[in-house]
């Protein structure tokens, strides 16, 4: 029962779930030798790092099926990032395919001629 609740919690808030695993278990220290790798994973790829920590075995390390879960988590995470970027592409100025047009470049000679016309 508690494992199912943690799985739902991890699916919706992977950073908080990873933080709980890091603070209350020794799994992160078993999976990583340094402090920087889990910290970068916490910042940039929290779901993938959480899955890596959960499937890592201190005796055998990572075997074939363990990597499948990690790669699946990475694909899910990258698709979430890509989906949010695709949804917000209208807000990016001059992004190809948006309705905002790129302004024409003005040269110094065309600027002079327009200034001459004003006089």
PDB file of N, CA and C in Angstrom:
ATOM      1  N   UNK A   1       0.819  -1.193   0.000  1.00  0.00           N
ATOM      2  CA  UNK A   1       0.000   0.000   0.000  1.00  0.00           C
ATOM      3  C   UNK A   1       0.863   1.257   0.000  1.00  0.00           C
ATOM      4  N   UNK A   2       1.874   1.273   0.841  1.00  0.00           N
ATOM      5  CA  UNK A   2       2.733   2.452   0.929  1.00  0.00           C
ATOM      6  C   UNK A   2       3.535   2.642  -0.363  1.00  0.00           C
ATOM      7  N   UNK A   3       3.926   1.546  -1.001  1.00  0.00           N
ATOM      8  CA  UNK A   3       4.659   1.624  -2.262  1.00  0.00           C
ATOM      9  C   UNK A   3       3.821   2.226  -3.374  1.00  0.00           C
ATOM     10  N   UNK A   4       2.530   1.908  -3.399  1.00  0.00           N
ATOM     11  CA  UNK A   4       1.636   2.470  -4.422  1.00  0.00           C
ATOM     12  C   UNK A   4       1.454   3.965  -4.219  1.00  0.00           C
ATOM     13  N   UNK A   5       1.344   4.366  -2.973  1.00  0.00           N
ATOM     14  CA  UNK A   5       1.200   5.792  -2.687  1.00  0.00           C
ATOM     15  C   UNK A   5       2.466   6.533  -3.093  1.00  0.00           C
ATOM     16  N   UNK A   6       3.638   5.950  -2.809  1.00  0.00           N
ATOM     17  CA  UNK A   6       4.897   6.577  -3.206  1.00  0.00           C
ATOM     18  C   UNK A   6       5.013   6.652  -4.722  1.00  0.00           C
ATOM     19  N   UNK A   7       4.556   5.616  -5.435  1.00  0.00           N
ATOM     20  CA  UNK A   7       4.620   5.625  -6.898  1.00  0.00           C
ATOM     21  C   UNK A   7       3.750   6.744  -7.477  1.00  0.00           C
ATOM     22  N   UNK A   8       2.564   6.937  -6.947  1.00  0.00           N
ATOM     23  CA  UNK A   8       1.709   8.038  -7.406  1.00  0.00           C
ATOM     24  C   UNK A   8       2.344   9.390  -7.072  1.00  0.00           C
ATOM     25  N   UNK A   9       2.916   9.482  -5.885  1.00  0.00           N
ATOM     26  CA  UNK A   9       3.579  10.711  -5.450  1.00  0.00           C
ATOM     27  C   UNK A   9       4.767  11.020  -6.354  1.00  0.00           C
ATOM     28  N   UNK A  10       5.538  10.006  -6.705  1.00  0.00           N
ATOM     29  CA  UNK A  10       6.716  10.190  -7.561  1.00  0.00           C
ATOM     30  C   UNK A  10       6.335  10.570  -8.980  1.00  0.00           C
ATOM     31  N   UNK A  11       5.201  10.072  -9.450  1.00  0.00           N
ATOM     32  CA  UNK A  11       4.779  10.402 -10.811  1.00  0.00           C
ATOM     33  C   UNK A  11       4.385  11.869 -10.935  1.00  0.00           C
ATOM     34  N   UNK A  12       3.811  12.434  -9.893  1.00  0.00           N
ATOM     35  CA  UNK A  12       3.341  13.814  -9.970  1.00  0.00           C
ATOM     36  C   UNK A  12       4.375  14.833  -9.495  1.00  0.00           C
ATOM     37  N   UNK A  13       5.200  14.451  -8.561  1.00  0.00           N
ATOM     38  CA  UNK A  13       6.214  15.379  -8.032  1.00  0.00           C
ATOM     39  C   UNK A  13       7.539  14.653  -7.873  1.00  0.00           C
ATOM     40  N   UNK A  14       8.264  14.432  -8.965  1.00  0.00           N
ATOM     41  CA  UNK A  14       9.485  13.631  -8.866  1.00  0.00           C
ATOM     42  C   UNK A  14      10.593  14.302  -8.057  1.00  0.00           C
ATOM     43  N   UNK A  15      10.656  15.620  -8.040  1.00  0.00           N
ATOM     44  CA  UNK A  15      11.711  16.285  -7.263  1.00  0.00           C
ATOM     45  C   UNK A  15      11.517  16.066  -5.768  1.00  0.00           C
ATOM     46  N   UNK A  16      10.285  16.173  -5.304  1.00  0.00           N
ATOM     47  CA  UNK A  16      10.021  15.967  -3.881  1.00  0.00           C
ATOM     48  C   UNK A  16      10.228  14.496  -3.512  1.00  0.00           C
ATOM     49  N   UNK A  17       9.792  13.596  -4.386  1.00  0.00           N
ATOM     50  CA  UNK A  17       9.988  12.169  -4.128  1.00  0.00           C
ATOM     51  C   UNK A  17      11.479  11.828  -4.093  1.00  0.00           C
ATOM     52  N   UNK A  18      12.253  12.395  -5.024  1.00  0.00           N
ATOM     53  CA  UNK A  18      13.700  12.151  -5.035  1.00  0.00           C
ATOM     54  C   UNK A  18      14.343  12.723  -3.775  1.00  0.00           C
ATOM     55  N   UNK A  19      13.891  13.881  -3.342  1.00  0.00           N
ATOM     56  CA  UNK A  19      14.425  14.482  -2.122  1.00  0.00           C
ATOM     57  C   UNK A  19      14.133  13.601  -0.908  1.00  0.00           C
ATOM     58  N   UNK A  20      12.927  13.041  -0.827  1.00  0.00           N
ATOM     59  CA  UNK A  20      12.603  12.130   0.269  1.00  0.00           C
ATOM     60  C   UNK A  20      13.477  10.885   0.241  1.00  0.00           C
ATOM     61  N   UNK A  21      13.682  10.331  -0.953  1.00  0.00           N
ATOM     62  CA  UNK A  21      14.537   9.144  -1.074  1.00  0.00           C
ATOM     63  C   UNK A  21      15.964   9.488  -0.659  1.00  0.00           C
ATOM     64  N   UNK A  22      16.435  10.656  -1.051  1.00  0.00           N
ATOM     65  CA  UNK A  22      17.805  11.071  -0.739  1.00  0.00           C
ATOM     66  C   UNK A  22      17.985  11.303   0.761  1.00  0.00           C
ATOM     67  N   UNK A  23      16.997  11.925   1.405  1.00  0.00           N
ATOM     68  CA  UNK A  23      17.130  12.259   2.821  1.00  0.00           C
ATOM     69  C   UNK A  23      16.866  11.081   3.753  1.00  0.00           C
ATOM     70  N   UNK A  24      15.928  10.210   3.405  1.00  0.00           N
ATOM     71  CA  UNK A  24      15.485   9.191   4.349  1.00  0.00           C
ATOM     72  C   UNK A  24      15.961   7.769   4.034  1.00  0.00           C
ATOM     73  N   UNK A  25      16.670   7.570   2.929  1.00  0.00           N
ATOM     74  CA  UNK A  25      17.225   6.250   2.620  1.00  0.00           C
ATOM     75  C   UNK A  25      18.679   6.410   2.192  1.00  0.00           C
ATOM     76  N   UNK A  26      19.370   5.331   2.064  1.00  0.00           N
ATOM     77  CA  UNK A  26      20.747   5.366   1.585  1.00  0.00           C
ATOM     78  C   UNK A  26      20.875   4.979   0.124  1.00  0.00           C
ATOM     79  N   UNK A  27      19.752   4.946  -0.600  1.00  0.00           N
ATOM     80  CA  UNK A  27      19.773   4.494  -1.991  1.00  0.00           C
ATOM     81  C   UNK A  27      20.570   5.420  -2.901  1.00  0.00           C
ATOM     82  N   UNK A  28      20.478   6.720  -2.686  1.00  0.00           N
ATOM     83  CA  UNK A  28      21.196   7.668  -3.550  1.00  0.00           C
ATOM     84  C   UNK A  28      22.698   7.518  -3.347  1.00  0.00           C
ATOM     85  N   UNK A  29      23.129   7.331  -2.111  1.00  0.00           N
ATOM     86  CA  UNK A  29      24.561   7.152  -1.842  1.00  0.00           C
ATOM     87  C   UNK A  29      25.083   5.839  -2.407  1.00  0.00           C
ATOM     88  N   UNK A  30      24.230   4.826  -2.481  1.00  0.00           N
ATOM     89  CA  UNK A  30      24.643   3.559  -3.092  1.00  0.00           C
ATOM     90  C   UNK A  30      24.750   3.683  -4.605  1.00  0.00           C
ATOM     91  N   UNK A  31      23.868   4.444  -5.214  1.00  0.00           N
ATOM     92  CA  UNK A  31      23.823   4.540  -6.675  1.00  0.00           C
ATOM     93  C   UNK A  31      24.881   5.482  -7.233  1.00  0.00           C
ATOM     94  N   UNK A  32      25.241   6.521  -6.484  1.00  0.00           N
ATOM     95  CA  UNK A  32      26.194   7.517  -6.969  1.00  0.00           C
ATOM     96  C   UNK A  32      27.374   7.617  -6.022  1.00  0.00           C
ATOM     97  N   UNK A  33      28.558   7.822  -6.593  1.00  0.00           N
ATOM     98  CA  UNK A  33      29.762   7.977  -5.786  1.00  0.00           C
ATOM     99  C   UNK A  33      30.034   9.426  -5.413  1.00  0.00           C
ATOM    100  N   UNK A  34      29.435  10.358  -6.152  1.00  0.00           N
ATOM    101  CA  UNK A  34      29.698  11.773  -5.924  1.00  0.00           C
ATOM    102  C   UNK A  34      28.422  12.484  -5.517  1.00  0.00           C
ATOM    103  N   UNK A  35      28.579  13.721  -5.131  1.00  0.00           N
ATOM    104  CA  UNK A  35      27.436  14.549  -4.758  1.00  0.00           C
ATOM    105  C   UNK A  35      26.876  15.305  -5.955  1.00  0.00           C
ATOM    106  N   UNK A  36      27.728  15.586  -6.931  1.00  0.00           N
ATOM    107  CA  UNK A  36      27.337  16.448  -8.044  1.00  0.00           C
ATOM    108  C   UNK A  36      26.354  15.760  -9.004  1.00  0.00           C
ATOM    109  N   UNK A  37      26.519  14.478  -9.268  1.00  0.00           N
ATOM    110  CA  UNK A  37      25.642  13.774 -10.209  1.00  0.00           C
ATOM    111  C   UNK A  37      24.184  13.739  -9.732  1.00  0.00           C
ATOM    112  N   UNK A  38      23.909  13.351  -8.487  1.00  0.00           N
ATOM    113  CA  UNK A  38      22.497  13.394  -8.076  1.00  0.00           C
ATOM    114  C   UNK A  38      21.956  14.816  -7.957  1.00  0.00           C
ATOM    115  N   UNK A  39      22.817  15.772  -7.639  1.00  0.00           N
ATOM    116  CA  UNK A  39      22.364  17.164  -7.571  1.00  0.00           C
ATOM    117  C   UNK A  39      21.956  17.667  -8.957  1.00  0.00           C
ATOM    118  N   UNK A  40      22.771  17.380  -9.975  1.00  0.00           N
ATOM    119  CA  UNK A  40      22.415  17.767 -11.346  1.00  0.00           C
ATOM    120  C   UNK A  40      21.167  17.020 -11.817  1.00  0.00           C
ATOM    121  N   UNK A  41      21.060  15.753 -11.431  1.00  0.00           N
ATOM    122  CA  UNK A  41      19.853  15.001 -11.760  1.00  0.00           C
ATOM    123  C   UNK A  41      18.624  15.569 -11.092  1.00  0.00           C
ATOM    124  N   UNK A  42      18.770  16.018  -9.858  1.00  0.00           N
ATOM    125  CA  UNK A  42      17.660  16.642  -9.134  1.00  0.00           C
ATOM    126  C   UNK A  42      17.203  17.917  -9.830  1.00  0.00           C
ATOM    127  N   UNK A  43      18.148  18.682 -10.365  1.00  0.00           N
ATOM    128  CA  UNK A  43      17.820  19.956 -10.999  1.00  0.00           C
ATOM    129  C   UNK A  43      17.243  19.752 -12.401  1.00  0.00           C
ATOM    130  N   UNK A  44      17.910  18.932 -13.235  1.00  0.00           N
ATOM    131  CA  UNK A  44      17.556  18.863 -14.648  1.00  0.00           C
ATOM    132  C   UNK A  44      16.683  17.665 -15.027  1.00  0.00           C
ATOM    133  N   UNK A  45      16.947  16.492 -14.495  1.00  0.00           N
ATOM    134  CA  UNK A  45      16.201  15.282 -14.862  1.00  0.00           C
ATOM    135  C   UNK A  45      15.769  14.520 -13.606  1.00  0.00           C
ATOM    136  N   UNK A  46      14.840  15.048 -12.826  1.00  0.00           N
ATOM    137  CA  UNK A  46      14.519  14.411 -11.543  1.00  0.00           C
ATOM    138  C   UNK A  46      13.850  13.042 -11.683  1.00  0.00           C
ATOM    139  N   UNK A  47      12.966  12.867 -12.646  1.00  0.00           N
ATOM    140  CA  UNK A  47      12.285  11.581 -12.782  1.00  0.00           C
ATOM    141  C   UNK A  47      13.255  10.485 -13.223  1.00  0.00           C
ATOM    142  N   UNK A  48      14.121  10.807 -14.160  1.00  0.00           N
ATOM    143  CA  UNK A  48      15.112   9.837 -14.625  1.00  0.00           C
ATOM    144  C   UNK A  48      16.075   9.462 -13.504  1.00  0.00           C
ATOM    145  N   UNK A  49      16.515  10.440 -12.738  1.00  0.00           N
ATOM    146  CA  UNK A  49      17.424  10.178 -11.632  1.00  0.00           C
ATOM    147  C   UNK A  49      16.738   9.347 -10.552  1.00  0.00           C
ATOM    148  N   UNK A  50      15.479   9.629 -10.283  1.00  0.00           N
ATOM    149  CA  UNK A  50      14.731   8.845  -9.305  1.00  0.00           C
ATOM    150  C   UNK A  50      14.607   7.394  -9.745  1.00  0.00           C
ATOM    151  N   UNK A  51      14.289   7.172 -10.992  1.00  0.00           N
ATOM    152  CA  UNK A  51      14.167   5.806 -11.501  1.00  0.00           C
ATOM    153  C   UNK A  51      15.523   5.097 -11.447  1.00  0.00           C
ATOM    154  N   UNK A  52      16.601   5.811 -11.799  1.00  0.00           N
ATOM    155  CA  UNK A  52      17.940   5.223 -11.726  1.00  0.00           C
ATOM    156  C   UNK A  52      18.249   4.776 -10.305  1.00  0.00           C
ATOM    157  N   UNK A  53      17.946   5.622  -9.339  1.00  0.00           N
ATOM    158  CA  UNK A  53      18.221   5.289  -7.937  1.00  0.00           C
ATOM    159  C   UNK A  53      17.387   4.093  -7.488  1.00  0.00           C
ATOM    160  N   UNK A  54      16.143   4.026  -7.913  1.00  0.00           N
ATOM    161  CA  UNK A  54      15.266   2.944  -7.480  1.00  0.00           C
ATOM    162  C   UNK A  54      15.604   1.598  -8.113  1.00  0.00           C
ATOM    163  N   UNK A  55      16.127   1.579  -9.333  1.00  0.00           N
ATOM    164  CA  UNK A  55      16.430   0.293  -9.981  1.00  0.00           C
ATOM    165  C   UNK A  55      17.884  -0.130  -9.797  1.00  0.00           C
ATOM    166  N   UNK A  56      18.726   0.746  -9.263  1.00  0.00           N
ATOM    167  CA  UNK A  56      20.135   0.412  -9.071  1.00  0.00           C
ATOM    168  C   UNK A  56      20.280  -0.653  -7.987  1.00  0.00           C
ATOM    169  N   UNK A  57      21.108  -1.637  -8.261  1.00  0.00           N
ATOM    170  CA  UNK A  57      21.402  -2.685  -7.284  1.00  0.00           C
ATOM    171  C   UNK A  57      22.873  -2.585  -6.902  1.00  0.00           C
ATOM    172  N   UNK A  58      23.187  -2.488  -5.608  1.00  0.00           N
ATOM    173  CA  UNK A  58      24.590  -2.345  -5.213  1.00  0.00           C
ATOM    174  C   UNK A  58      25.433  -3.584  -5.534  1.00  0.00           C
ATOM    175  N   UNK A  59      24.806  -4.735  -5.658  1.00  0.00           N
ATOM    176  CA  UNK A  59      25.564  -5.964  -5.927  1.00  0.00           C
ATOM    177  C   UNK A  59      25.888  -6.096  -7.410  1.00  0.00           C
ATOM    178  N   UNK A  60      24.893  -5.933  -8.258  1.00  0.00           N
ATOM    179  CA  UNK A  60      25.106  -6.150  -9.692  1.00  0.00           C
ATOM    180  C   UNK A  60      25.206  -4.855 -10.491  1.00  0.00           C
ATOM    181  N   UNK A  61      24.864  -3.739  -9.892  1.00  0.00           N
ATOM    182  CA  UNK A  61      24.868  -2.478 -10.640  1.00  0.00           C
ATOM    183  C   UNK A  61      23.634  -2.401 -11.525  1.00  0.00           C
ATOM    184  N   UNK A  62      23.832  -1.877 -12.717  1.00  0.00           N
ATOM    185  CA  UNK A  62      22.725  -1.744 -13.663  1.00  0.00           C
ATOM    186  C   UNK A  62      22.837  -2.861 -14.701  1.00  0.00           C
ATOM    187  N   UNK A  63      21.772  -3.632 -14.846  1.00  0.00           N
ATOM    188  CA  UNK A  63      21.747  -4.690 -15.851  1.00  0.00           C
ATOM    189  C   UNK A  63      20.839  -4.249 -16.997  1.00  0.00           C
ATOM    190  N   UNK A  64      20.606  -5.119 -17.953  1.00  0.00           N
ATOM    191  CA  UNK A  64      19.874  -4.774 -19.167  1.00  0.00           C
ATOM    192  C   UNK A  64      18.506  -4.177 -18.942  1.00  0.00           C
ATOM    193  N   UNK A  65      17.646  -4.854 -18.157  1.00  0.00           N
ATOM    194  CA  UNK A  65      16.292  -4.351 -17.957  1.00  0.00           C
ATOM    195  C   UNK A  65      16.267  -3.092 -17.105  1.00  0.00           C
ATOM    196  N   UNK A  66      17.243  -2.908 -16.258  1.00  0.00           N
ATOM    197  CA  UNK A  66      17.317  -1.667 -15.478  1.00  0.00           C
ATOM    198  C   UNK A  66      17.518  -0.470 -16.397  1.00  0.00           C
ATOM    199  N   UNK A  67      18.353  -0.644 -17.408  1.00  0.00           N
ATOM    200  CA  UNK A  67      18.585   0.451 -18.357  1.00  0.00           C
ATOM    201  C   UNK A  67      17.347   0.758 -19.178  1.00  0.00           C
ATOM    202  N   UNK A  68      16.524  -0.259 -19.430  1.00  0.00           N
ATOM    203  CA  UNK A  68      15.280  -0.032 -20.163  1.00  0.00           C
ATOM    204  C   UNK A  68      14.381   0.917 -19.383  1.00  0.00           C
ATOM    205  N   UNK A  69      14.271   0.715 -18.068  1.00  0.00           N
ATOM    206  CA  UNK A  69      13.450   1.597 -17.232  1.00  0.00           C
ATOM    207  C   UNK A  69      14.013   3.018 -17.196  1.00  0.00           C
ATOM    208  N   UNK A  70      15.334   3.133 -17.117  1.00  0.00           N
ATOM    209  CA  UNK A  70      15.957   4.457 -17.078  1.00  0.00           C
ATOM    210  C   UNK A  70      15.751   5.177 -18.409  1.00  0.00           C
ATOM    211  N   UNK A  71      15.925   4.480 -19.516  1.00  0.00           N
ATOM    212  CA  UNK A  71      15.724   5.091 -20.837  1.00  0.00           C
ATOM    213  C   UNK A  71      14.259   5.471 -21.028  1.00  0.00           C
ATOM    214  N   UNK A  72      13.344   4.633 -20.565  1.00  0.00           N
ATOM    215  CA  UNK A  72      11.921   4.965 -20.642  1.00  0.00           C
ATOM    216  C   UNK A  72      11.616   6.220 -19.819  1.00  0.00           C
ATOM    217  N   UNK A  73      12.194   6.322 -18.639  1.00  0.00           N
ATOM    218  CA  UNK A  73      11.998   7.525 -17.815  1.00  0.00           C
ATOM    219  C   UNK A  73      12.579   8.751 -18.499  1.00  0.00           C
ATOM    220  N   UNK A  74      13.736   8.598 -19.137  1.00  0.00           N
ATOM    221  CA  UNK A  74      14.342   9.719 -19.857  1.00  0.00           C
ATOM    222  C   UNK A  74      13.460  10.170 -21.022  1.00  0.00           C
ATOM    223  N   UNK A  75      12.908   9.228 -21.761  1.00  0.00           N
ATOM    224  CA  UNK A  75      12.024   9.575 -22.874  1.00  0.00           C
ATOM    225  C   UNK A  75      10.752  10.266 -22.386  1.00  0.00           C
ATOM    226  N   UNK A  76      10.208   9.803 -21.277  1.00  0.00           N
ATOM    227  CA  UNK A  76       9.020  10.447 -20.710  1.00  0.00           C
ATOM    228  C   UNK A  76       9.346  11.867 -20.290  1.00  0.00           C
ATOM    229  N   UNK A  77      10.505  12.047 -19.655  1.00  0.00           N
ATOM    230  CA  UNK A  77      10.884  13.378 -19.195  1.00  0.00           C
ATOM    231  C   UNK A  77      11.172  14.326 -20.358  1.00  0.00           C
ATOM    232  N   UNK A  78      11.882  13.837 -21.363  1.00  0.00           N
ATOM    233  CA  UNK A  78      12.168  14.681 -22.527  1.00  0.00           C
ATOM    234  C   UNK A  78      10.905  15.023 -23.305  1.00  0.00           C
ATOM    235  N   UNK A  79       9.954  14.094 -23.362  1.00  0.00           N
ATOM    236  CA  UNK A  79       8.697  14.398 -24.047  1.00  0.00           C
ATOM    237  C   UNK A  79       7.903  15.450 -23.279  1.00  0.00           C
ATOM    238  N   UNK A  80       8.006  15.462 -21.973  1.00  0.00           N
ATOM    239  CA  UNK A  80       7.335  16.505 -21.193  1.00  0.00           C
ATOM    240  C   UNK A  80       7.967  17.863 -21.470  1.00  0.00           C
ATOM    241  N   UNK A  81       9.300  17.906 -21.518  1.00  0.00           N
ATOM    242  CA  UNK A  81       9.973  19.163 -21.838  1.00  0.00           C
ATOM    243  C   UNK A  81       9.644  19.613 -23.261  1.00  0.00           C
ATOM    244  N   UNK A  82       9.656  18.681 -24.200  1.00  0.00           N
ATOM    245  CA  UNK A  82       9.337  19.021 -25.591  1.00  0.00           C
ATOM    246  C   UNK A  82       7.893  19.450 -25.763  1.00  0.00           C
ATOM    247  N   UNK A  83       6.988  18.824 -25.040  1.00  0.00           N
ATOM    248  CA  UNK A  83       5.585  19.201 -25.117  1.00  0.00           C
ATOM    249  C   UNK A  83       5.346  20.601 -24.586  1.00  0.00           C
ATOM    250  N   UNK A  84       6.024  20.955 -23.509  1.00  0.00           N
ATOM    251  CA  UNK A  84       5.840  22.306 -22.976  1.00  0.00           C
ATOM    252  C   UNK A  84       6.480  23.339 -23.900  1.00  0.00           C
ATOM    253  N   UNK A  85       7.582  22.989 -24.535  1.00  0.00           N
ATOM    254  CA  UNK A  85       8.202  23.910 -25.489  1.00  0.00           C
ATOM    255  C   UNK A  85       7.312  24.090 -26.717  1.00  0.00           C
ATOM    256  N   UNK A  86       6.695  23.010 -27.171  1.00  0.00           N
ATOM    257  CA  UNK A  86       5.808  23.093 -28.332  1.00  0.00           C
ATOM    258  C   UNK A  86       4.560  23.917 -27.994  1.00  0.00           C
ATOM    259  N   UNK A  87       4.053  23.751 -26.799  1.00  0.00           N
ATOM    260  CA  UNK A  87       2.859  24.496 -26.404  1.00  0.00           C
ATOM    261  C   UNK A  87       3.145  25.989 -26.264  1.00  0.00           C
ATOM    262  N   UNK A  88       4.369  26.342 -25.936  1.00  0.00           N
ATOM    263  CA  UNK A  88       4.722  27.750 -25.728  1.00  0.00           C
ATOM    264  C   UNK A  88       5.451  28.368 -26.914  1.00  0.00           C
ATOM    265  N   UNK A  89       5.442  27.724 -28.057  1.00  0.00           N
ATOM    266  CA  UNK A  89       6.205  28.250 -29.188  1.00  0.00           C
ATOM    267  C   UNK A  89       5.659  29.575 -29.696  1.00  0.00           C
ATOM    268  N   UNK A  90       4.392  29.849 -29.472  1.00  0.00           N
ATOM    269  CA  UNK A  90       3.812  31.124 -29.892  1.00  0.00           C
ATOM    270  C   UNK A  90       4.396  32.288 -29.089  1.00  0.00           C
ATOM    271  N   UNK A  91       4.896  32.010 -27.903  1.00  0.00           N
ATOM    272  CA  UNK A  91       5.445  33.062 -27.055  1.00  0.00           C
ATOM    273  C   UNK A  91       6.901  33.378 -27.378  1.00  0.00           C
ATOM    274  N   UNK A  92       7.545  32.516 -28.190  1.00  0.00           N
ATOM    275  CA  UNK A  92       8.941  32.725 -28.543  1.00  0.00           C
ATOM    276  C   UNK A  92       8.992  33.653 -29.751  1.00  0.00           C
ATOM    277  N   UNK A  93       9.642  34.813 -29.630  1.00  0.00           N
ATOM    278  CA  UNK A  93       9.677  35.734 -30.771  1.00  0.00           C
ATOM    279  C   UNK A  93      10.449  35.146 -31.945  1.00  0.00           C
ATOM    280  N   UNK A  94       9.913  35.335 -33.129  1.00  0.00           N
ATOM    281  CA  UNK A  94      10.529  34.936 -34.403  1.00  0.00           C
ATOM    282  C   UNK A  94      10.716  33.427 -34.535  1.00  0.00           C
ATOM    283  N   UNK A  95       9.963  32.630 -33.808  1.00  0.00           N
ATOM    284  CA  UNK A  95      10.041  31.186 -33.949  1.00  0.00           C
ATOM    285  C   UNK A  95       9.402  30.808 -35.279  1.00  0.00           C
ATOM    286  N   UNK A  96      10.037  29.924 -36.064  1.00  0.00           N
ATOM    287  CA  UNK A  96       9.465  29.559 -37.365  1.00  0.00           C
ATOM    288  C   UNK A  96       8.068  28.953 -37.212  1.00  0.00           C
ATOM    289  N   UNK A  97       7.161  29.428 -38.020  1.00  0.00           N
ATOM    290  CA  UNK A  97       5.805  28.913 -37.996  1.00  0.00           C
ATOM    291  C   UNK A  97       4.859  29.719 -37.134  1.00  0.00           C
ATOM    292  N   UNK A  98       5.358  30.743 -36.448  1.00  0.00           N
ATOM    293  CA  UNK A  98       4.471  31.580 -35.656  1.00  0.00           C
ATOM    294  C   UNK A  98       3.907  32.698 -36.531  1.00  0.00           C
ATOM    295  N   UNK A  99       2.929  33.395 -36.021  1.00  0.00           N
ATOM    296  CA  UNK A  99       2.279  34.436 -36.808  1.00  0.00           C
ATOM    297  C   UNK A  99       3.057  35.743 -36.807  1.00  0.00           C
ATOM    298  N   UNK A 100       3.971  35.907 -35.878  1.00  0.00           N
ATOM    299  CA  UNK A 100       4.756  37.136 -35.817  1.00  0.00           C
ATOM    300  C   UNK A 100       5.789  37.144 -36.935  1.00  0.00           C
ATOM    301  N   UNK A 101       5.837  38.239 -37.681  1.00  0.00           N
ATOM    302  CA  UNK A 101       6.753  38.324 -38.808  1.00  0.00           C
ATOM    303  C   UNK A 101       8.086  38.906 -38.377  1.00  0.00           C
ATOM    304  N   UNK A 102       9.119  38.511 -39.081  1.00  0.00           N
ATOM    305  CA  UNK A 102      10.450  39.039 -38.833  1.00  0.00           C
ATOM    306  C   UNK A 102      10.543  40.403 -39.490  1.00  0.00           C
ATOM    307  N   UNK A 103      10.959  41.430 -38.749  1.00  0.00           N
ATOM    308  CA  UNK A 103      11.051  42.755 -39.375  1.00  0.00           C
ATOM    309  C   UNK A 103      12.154  42.783 -40.417  1.00  0.00           C
ATOM    310  N   UNK A 104      11.928  43.572 -41.457  1.00  0.00           N
ATOM    311  CA  UNK A 104      12.921  43.697 -42.518  1.00  0.00           C
ATOM    312  C   UNK A 104      14.124  44.458 -41.994  1.00  0.00           C
ATOM    313  N   UNK A 105      15.297  44.017 -42.417  1.00  0.00           N
ATOM    314  CA  UNK A 105      16.521  44.692 -41.996  1.00  0.00           C
ATOM    315  C   UNK A 105      16.673  45.985 -42.781  1.00  0.00           C
ATOM    316  N   UNK A 106      17.048  47.024 -42.071  1.00  0.00           N
ATOM    317  CA  UNK A 106      17.286  48.301 -42.740  1.00  0.00           C
ATOM    318  C   UNK A 106      18.774  48.535 -42.847  1.00  0.00           C
ATOM    319  N   UNK A 107      19.173  49.044 -43.965  1.00  0.00           N
ATOM    320  CA  UNK A 107      20.587  49.366 -44.153  1.00  0.00           C
ATOM    321  C   UNK A 107      20.781  50.848 -43.923  1.00  0.00           C
ATOM    322  N   UNK A 108      21.992  51.259 -43.805  1.00  0.00           N
ATOM    323  CA  UNK A 108      22.270  52.675 -43.551  1.00  0.00           C
ATOM    324  C   UNK A 108      21.871  53.538 -44.745  1.00  0.00           C
ATOM    325  N   UNK A 109      21.976  53.021 -45.975  1.00  0.00           N
ATOM    326  CA  UNK A 109      21.605  53.808 -47.149  1.00  0.00           C
ATOM    327  C   UNK A 109      20.097  54.004 -47.225  1.00  0.00           C
ATOM    328  N   UNK A 110      19.324  52.969 -46.868  1.00  0.00           N
ATOM    329  CA  UNK A 110      17.881  53.128 -46.894  1.00  0.00           C
ATOM    330  C   UNK A 110      17.419  54.033 -45.770  1.00  0.00           C
ATOM    331  N   UNK A 111      18.148  54.042 -44.670  1.00  0.00           N
ATOM    332  CA  UNK A 111      17.798  54.928 -43.572  1.00  0.00           C
ATOM    333  C   UNK A 111      18.058  56.383 -43.961  1.00  0.00           C
ATOM    334  N   UNK A 112      19.160  56.635 -44.671  1.00  0.00           N
ATOM    335  CA  UNK A 112      19.459  57.996 -45.126  1.00  0.00           C
ATOM    336  C   UNK A 112      18.402  58.486 -46.089  1.00  0.00           C
ATOM    337  N   UNK A 113      17.983  57.622 -46.992  1.00  0.00           N
ATOM    338  CA  UNK A 113      17.005  58.049 -47.980  1.00  0.00           C
ATOM    339  C   UNK A 113      15.671  58.352 -47.327  1.00  0.00           C
ATOM    340  N   UNK A 114      15.295  57.621 -46.304  1.00  0.00           N
ATOM    341  CA  UNK A 114      14.042  57.908 -45.613  1.00  0.00           C
ATOM    342  C   UNK A 114      14.173  59.189 -44.803  1.00  0.00           C
ATOM    343  N   UNK A 115      15.367  59.476 -44.269  1.00  0.00           N
ATOM    344  CA  UNK A 115      15.573  60.728 -43.544  1.00  0.00           C
ATOM    345  C   UNK A 115      15.545  61.916 -44.517  1.00  0.00           C
ATOM    346  N   UNK A 116      16.062  61.717 -45.714  1.00  0.00           N
ATOM    347  CA  UNK A 116      16.066  62.796 -46.709  1.00  0.00           C
ATOM    348  C   UNK A 116      14.637  63.133 -47.132  1.00  0.00           C
ATOM    349  N   UNK A 117      13.783  62.140 -47.182  1.00  0.00           N
ATOM    350  CA  UNK A 117      12.404  62.354 -47.609  1.00  0.00           C
ATOM    351  C   UNK A 117      11.648  63.181 -46.577  1.00  0.00           C
ATOM    352  N   UNK A 118      12.012  63.025 -45.289  1.00  0.00           N
ATOM    353  CA  UNK A 118      11.316  63.763 -44.234  1.00  0.00           C
ATOM    354  C   UNK A 118      11.620  65.253 -44.297  1.00  0.00           C
ATOM    355  N   UNK A 119      12.765  65.643 -44.801  1.00  0.00           N
ATOM    356  CA  UNK A 119      13.156  67.055 -44.853  1.00  0.00           C
ATOM    357  C   UNK A 119      12.448  67.709 -45.960  1.00  0.00           C
TER     358      UNK A 119
END
